[in-house]
Amino acid sequence: MTTDTSNLTILLIPGHWLGAWAWDEVLEHLTSLGHRAIPLTLPGLDETDTDRLSRTLDEQAAAIEQAATGSSGPVVIVAHSGANAPVSLALDRYPELFSRVIWVDSGPATSGVASAPDFPEDMEGLSLPPFELLEEQASIEGLSAIVLERFRERAVSEPGTVLRQIVQLTNDARFDLPTTFVCCSIPSSQVIELVKAGHPMFAEVANLKNVHYVDLPTGHWPMWSRPSDLAHILASESSTN
């Protein structure tokens, strides 16, 4: 079932080290498809903010709430990768603001868990690691040398305050929200099996009441490796109840 998208807003939240710029190509395709999309740079990821390394998940969730409240119609929120912590917090605190959540090679954070609980207290932020180390944790399939160079040049360190903060979720209304998983580096069949097996990384997924899986085989940054395909998926999923 589809819905009227004339006043719908697609709110794009990038993952670690990234600002709104990460969605440039996807934004261009969504606009050409007739959709209103807003990419957001979360507090802590704005390189012009002199206090950015002291920002918190609470501030990030508040920024998401402010962006959603400023929209005149339904809001679909799209979360990539490490945006799962602030987006999960926003969904828990303001579920009524969103018509759907779309996780892009990501998924809801687990309550009581921090993104990096052991990140050293004496370190202000986590810089983008060398790509040979990064690809041990996340696939860079489909990213050209030019894209990787841009990634390196524009990435900012992830605030340690954000990485260490525990996500506390209390509102079960978040489980009612229609949810789409865009599966890239891990296929949907494997995600479903992990959910069934009770894998702790997917603990929240088992509680969701309206879930749809879409496969987009590529690396962990599909906004760069397959921007047109990702935009079409976001547009299609946003118009589905």
Protein backbone atom coordinates (compact mmCIF):
# COMPACT_ATOMS: atom_id res chain seq x y z
CA MET A 1 0.00 0.00 0.00
CA THR A 2 1.36 3.41 -0.96
CA THR A 3 0.78 6.80 0.56
CA ASP A 4 0.76 10.38 -0.68
CA THR A 5 4.34 11.64 -0.72
CA SER A 6 3.64 15.24 -1.75
CA ASN A 7 4.44 16.61 1.71
CA LEU A 8 6.67 13.81 2.94
CA THR A 9 10.21 14.50 4.13
CA ILE A 10 13.04 12.00 4.01
CA LEU A 11 15.51 12.79 6.78
CA LEU A 12 18.98 11.43 6.00
CA ILE A 13 21.31 10.71 8.95
CA PRO A 14 24.92 9.70 8.13
CA GLY A 15 27.10 7.38 10.16
CA HIS A 16 30.40 7.88 11.96
CA TRP A 17 32.82 10.53 10.69
CA LEU A 18 30.29 11.91 8.22
CA GLY A 19 28.25 15.05 7.74
CA ALA A 20 25.32 15.91 5.50
CA TRP A 21 27.71 16.01 2.54
CA ALA A 22 27.85 12.20 2.53
CA TRP A 23 24.34 12.12 1.03
CA ASP A 24 25.01 14.56 -1.85
CA GLU A 25 24.57 12.04 -4.67
CA VAL A 26 21.57 10.34 -3.07
CA LEU A 27 19.99 13.73 -2.45
CA GLU A 28 20.38 14.64 -6.10
CA HIS A 29 18.63 11.43 -7.19
CA LEU A 30 15.83 11.78 -4.62
CA THR A 31 15.20 15.34 -5.74
CA SER A 32 14.99 14.22 -9.37
CA LEU A 33 12.42 11.63 -8.27
CA GLY A 34 10.28 14.39 -6.78
CA HIS A 35 11.08 13.77 -3.12
CA ARG A 36 11.95 16.28 -0.43
CA ALA A 37 15.01 15.07 1.45
CA ILE A 38 17.04 16.73 4.17
CA PRO A 39 20.54 15.47 5.02
CA LEU A 40 21.59 16.24 8.58
CA THR A 41 24.99 16.85 10.13
CA LEU A 42 24.68 15.68 13.71
CA PRO A 43 26.12 17.69 16.61
CA GLY A 44 29.68 16.56 17.08
CA LEU A 45 30.26 16.02 13.36
CA ASP A 46 30.29 19.68 12.29
CA GLU A 47 33.93 20.57 11.77
CA THR A 48 33.18 24.28 12.28
CA ASP A 49 31.88 23.66 15.82
CA THR A 50 34.74 24.38 18.22
CA ASP A 51 32.99 22.40 20.98
CA ARG A 52 32.00 19.46 18.81
CA LEU A 53 34.07 16.86 20.68
CA SER A 54 32.01 17.42 23.82
CA ARG A 55 28.66 16.82 22.13
CA THR A 56 26.43 13.97 23.32
CA LEU A 57 23.86 11.49 22.03
CA ASP A 58 21.21 13.57 23.77
CA GLU A 59 22.18 16.58 21.68
CA GLN A 60 22.17 14.48 18.54
CA ALA A 61 18.69 13.09 19.31
CA ALA A 62 17.47 16.63 20.00
CA ALA A 63 18.81 17.79 16.63
CA ILE A 64 16.94 14.98 14.91
CA GLU A 65 13.76 15.91 16.79
CA GLN A 66 14.17 19.55 15.76
CA ALA A 67 14.63 18.62 12.10
CA ALA A 68 11.59 16.33 12.16
CA THR A 69 9.41 18.86 13.97
CA GLY A 70 10.23 21.45 11.34
CA SER A 71 8.63 19.34 8.61
CA SER A 72 4.99 19.90 7.66
CA GLY A 73 4.12 16.30 6.83
CA PRO A 74 5.19 12.70 7.46
CA VAL A 75 8.88 12.13 8.14
CA VAL A 76 10.79 9.04 7.09
CA ILE A 77 14.11 8.81 8.89
CA VAL A 78 17.04 7.08 7.22
CA ALA A 79 19.94 5.95 9.40
CA HIS A 80 23.27 4.75 8.07
CA SER A 81 25.72 2.69 10.11
CA GLY A 82 26.74 4.37 13.39
CA ALA A 83 23.79 6.75 13.23
CA ASN A 84 21.86 3.90 14.85
CA ALA A 85 22.55 5.15 18.38
CA PRO A 86 21.19 8.72 18.04
CA VAL A 87 18.38 7.60 15.74
CA SER A 88 17.32 4.84 18.16
CA LEU A 89 17.26 7.45 20.93
CA ALA A 90 15.16 9.80 18.80
CA LEU A 91 12.71 7.01 17.91
CA ASP A 92 12.37 6.14 21.59
CA ARG A 93 11.74 9.72 22.67
CA TYR A 94 9.69 11.01 19.74
CA PRO A 95 8.11 8.01 17.92
CA GLU A 96 5.07 10.06 16.92
CA LEU A 97 7.23 12.24 14.65
CA PHE A 98 8.11 9.47 12.21
CA SER A 99 6.13 7.46 9.69
CA ARG A 100 8.91 4.94 8.93
CA VAL A 101 12.54 4.23 9.75
CA ILE A 102 14.94 2.91 7.14
CA TRP A 103 18.18 1.36 8.36
CA VAL A 104 20.94 1.42 5.72
CA ASP A 105 23.41 -1.39 6.51
CA SER A 106 22.52 -0.70 10.11
CA GLY A 107 19.89 -1.48 12.72
CA PRO A 108 18.44 -0.29 16.01
CA ALA A 109 20.77 0.07 18.96
CA THR A 110 20.31 -2.20 21.94
CA SER A 111 19.19 -0.53 25.16
CA GLY A 112 21.86 -0.43 27.84
CA VAL A 113 24.72 -0.61 25.35
CA ALA A 114 27.16 2.06 24.14
CA SER A 115 28.68 2.18 20.65
CA ALA A 116 32.19 1.85 22.10
CA PRO A 117 31.98 1.49 25.89
CA ASP A 118 35.72 0.87 26.22
CA PHE A 119 36.79 3.92 24.22
CA PRO A 120 39.48 5.52 26.41
CA GLU A 121 38.33 8.39 28.61
CA ASP A 122 41.48 10.33 27.82
CA MET A 123 40.77 10.35 24.08
CA GLU A 124 38.55 13.12 22.72
CA GLY A 125 37.61 11.41 19.49
CA LEU A 126 38.00 8.48 17.14
CA SER A 127 39.60 9.39 13.82
CA LEU A 128 38.85 7.56 10.60
CA PRO A 129 41.30 4.63 10.68
CA PRO A 130 43.52 3.60 7.76
CA PHE A 131 41.40 1.90 5.13
CA GLU A 132 43.25 -1.39 5.49
CA LEU A 133 42.07 -1.47 9.10
CA LEU A 134 38.63 -0.08 8.36
CA GLU A 135 37.83 -2.79 5.83
CA GLU A 136 38.43 -5.43 8.50
CA GLN A 137 35.27 -4.10 10.15
CA ALA A 138 33.23 -2.73 7.24
CA SER A 139 33.30 -3.50 3.53
CA ILE A 140 34.58 -0.75 1.23
CA GLU A 141 33.43 -2.66 -1.85
CA GLY A 142 32.46 -0.39 -4.72
CA LEU A 143 34.40 2.66 -3.53
CA SER A 144 36.83 4.09 -6.05
CA ALA A 145 40.15 5.67 -5.17
CA ILE A 146 38.59 9.09 -5.75
CA VAL A 147 35.73 8.36 -3.36
CA LEU A 148 38.11 7.03 -0.72
CA GLU A 149 40.24 10.15 -1.06
CA ARG A 150 37.16 12.34 -0.53
CA PHE A 151 36.16 10.22 2.46
CA ARG A 152 39.61 10.71 4.00
CA GLU A 153 39.69 14.45 3.32
CA ARG A 154 36.22 15.23 4.66
CA ALA A 155 35.90 12.79 7.56
CA VAL A 156 35.98 14.24 11.07
CA SER A 157 36.73 12.35 14.26
CA GLU A 158 33.78 10.81 16.09
CA PRO A 159 33.36 12.37 19.57
CA GLY A 160 34.39 10.06 22.38
CA THR A 161 31.49 11.37 24.44
CA VAL A 162 29.09 9.97 21.84
CA LEU A 163 30.88 6.64 21.55
CA ARG A 164 30.93 6.06 25.31
CA GLN A 165 27.36 7.14 26.10
CA ILE A 166 24.99 4.27 26.90
CA VAL A 167 21.75 4.19 24.90
CA GLN A 168 18.81 3.98 27.30
CA LEU A 169 15.50 3.04 25.62
CA THR A 170 12.21 2.85 27.51
CA ASN A 171 9.35 3.48 25.07
CA ASP A 172 7.92 0.34 23.43
CA ALA A 173 6.08 2.53 20.91
CA ARG A 174 9.26 2.41 18.85
CA PHE A 175 8.49 -1.22 18.02
CA ASP A 176 5.29 -0.21 16.20
CA LEU A 177 7.04 1.98 13.66
CA PRO A 178 7.16 0.51 10.13
CA THR A 179 10.78 -0.46 9.51
CA THR A 180 12.89 -1.21 6.45
CA PHE A 181 16.32 -2.77 6.47
CA VAL A 182 18.45 -2.03 3.41
CA CYS A 183 20.95 -4.88 3.55
CA CYS A 184 24.25 -4.22 1.80
CA SER A 185 27.36 -5.85 3.26
CA ILE A 186 25.28 -8.51 5.03
CA PRO A 187 22.44 -10.06 2.97
CA SER A 188 18.92 -10.08 4.37
CA SER A 189 18.87 -13.88 4.58
CA GLN A 190 21.79 -13.76 7.00
CA VAL A 191 20.26 -10.90 9.01
CA ILE A 192 17.01 -12.86 9.38
CA GLU A 193 18.89 -15.92 10.59
CA LEU A 194 20.82 -13.84 13.13
CA VAL A 195 17.56 -12.36 14.42
CA LYS A 196 16.03 -15.83 14.77
CA ALA A 197 19.15 -17.05 16.57
CA GLY A 198 18.85 -14.24 19.10
CA HIS A 199 22.15 -12.59 18.21
CA PRO A 200 22.66 -9.69 20.65
CA MET A 201 23.47 -7.26 17.84
CA PHE A 202 19.93 -7.77 16.52
CA ALA A 203 18.10 -8.00 19.85
CA GLU A 204 15.80 -5.08 19.08
CA VAL A 205 14.83 -6.38 15.64
CA ALA A 206 12.94 -9.35 17.07
CA ASN A 207 10.53 -6.92 18.75
CA LEU A 208 9.63 -4.98 15.62
CA LYS A 209 6.07 -5.51 14.37
CA ASN A 210 6.28 -4.31 10.76
CA VAL A 211 9.56 -5.16 9.03
CA HIS A 212 10.59 -5.22 5.38
CA TYR A 213 13.99 -6.28 4.07
CA VAL A 214 15.55 -5.02 0.83
CA ASP A 215 18.86 -6.30 -0.52
CA LEU A 216 21.32 -3.89 -2.13
CA PRO A 217 24.51 -5.92 -2.56
CA THR A 218 27.50 -3.61 -2.15
CA GLY A 219 29.81 -2.35 0.55
CA HIS A 220 29.00 -0.51 3.76
CA TRP A 221 28.71 2.92 2.11
CA PRO A 222 26.01 2.44 -0.57
CA MET A 223 25.39 6.20 -0.76
CA TRP A 224 28.68 6.32 -2.68
CA SER A 225 28.90 2.90 -4.32
CA ARG A 226 25.27 2.71 -5.55
CA PRO A 227 23.66 6.13 -4.94
CA SER A 228 20.99 5.90 -7.63
CA ASP A 229 19.86 2.43 -6.56
CA LEU A 230 19.79 3.49 -2.92
CA ALA A 231 17.76 6.60 -3.74
CA HIS A 232 15.19 4.53 -5.63
CA ILE A 233 14.88 2.15 -2.67
CA LEU A 234 14.46 5.03 -0.24
CA ALA A 235 11.82 6.60 -2.46
CA SER A 236 9.91 3.35 -2.84
CA GLU A 237 10.05 2.42 0.83
CA SER A 238 9.07 5.91 1.93
CA SER A 239 5.80 5.68 0.03
CA THR A 240 4.85 2.30 1.51
CA ASN A 241 2.75 1.91 4.64
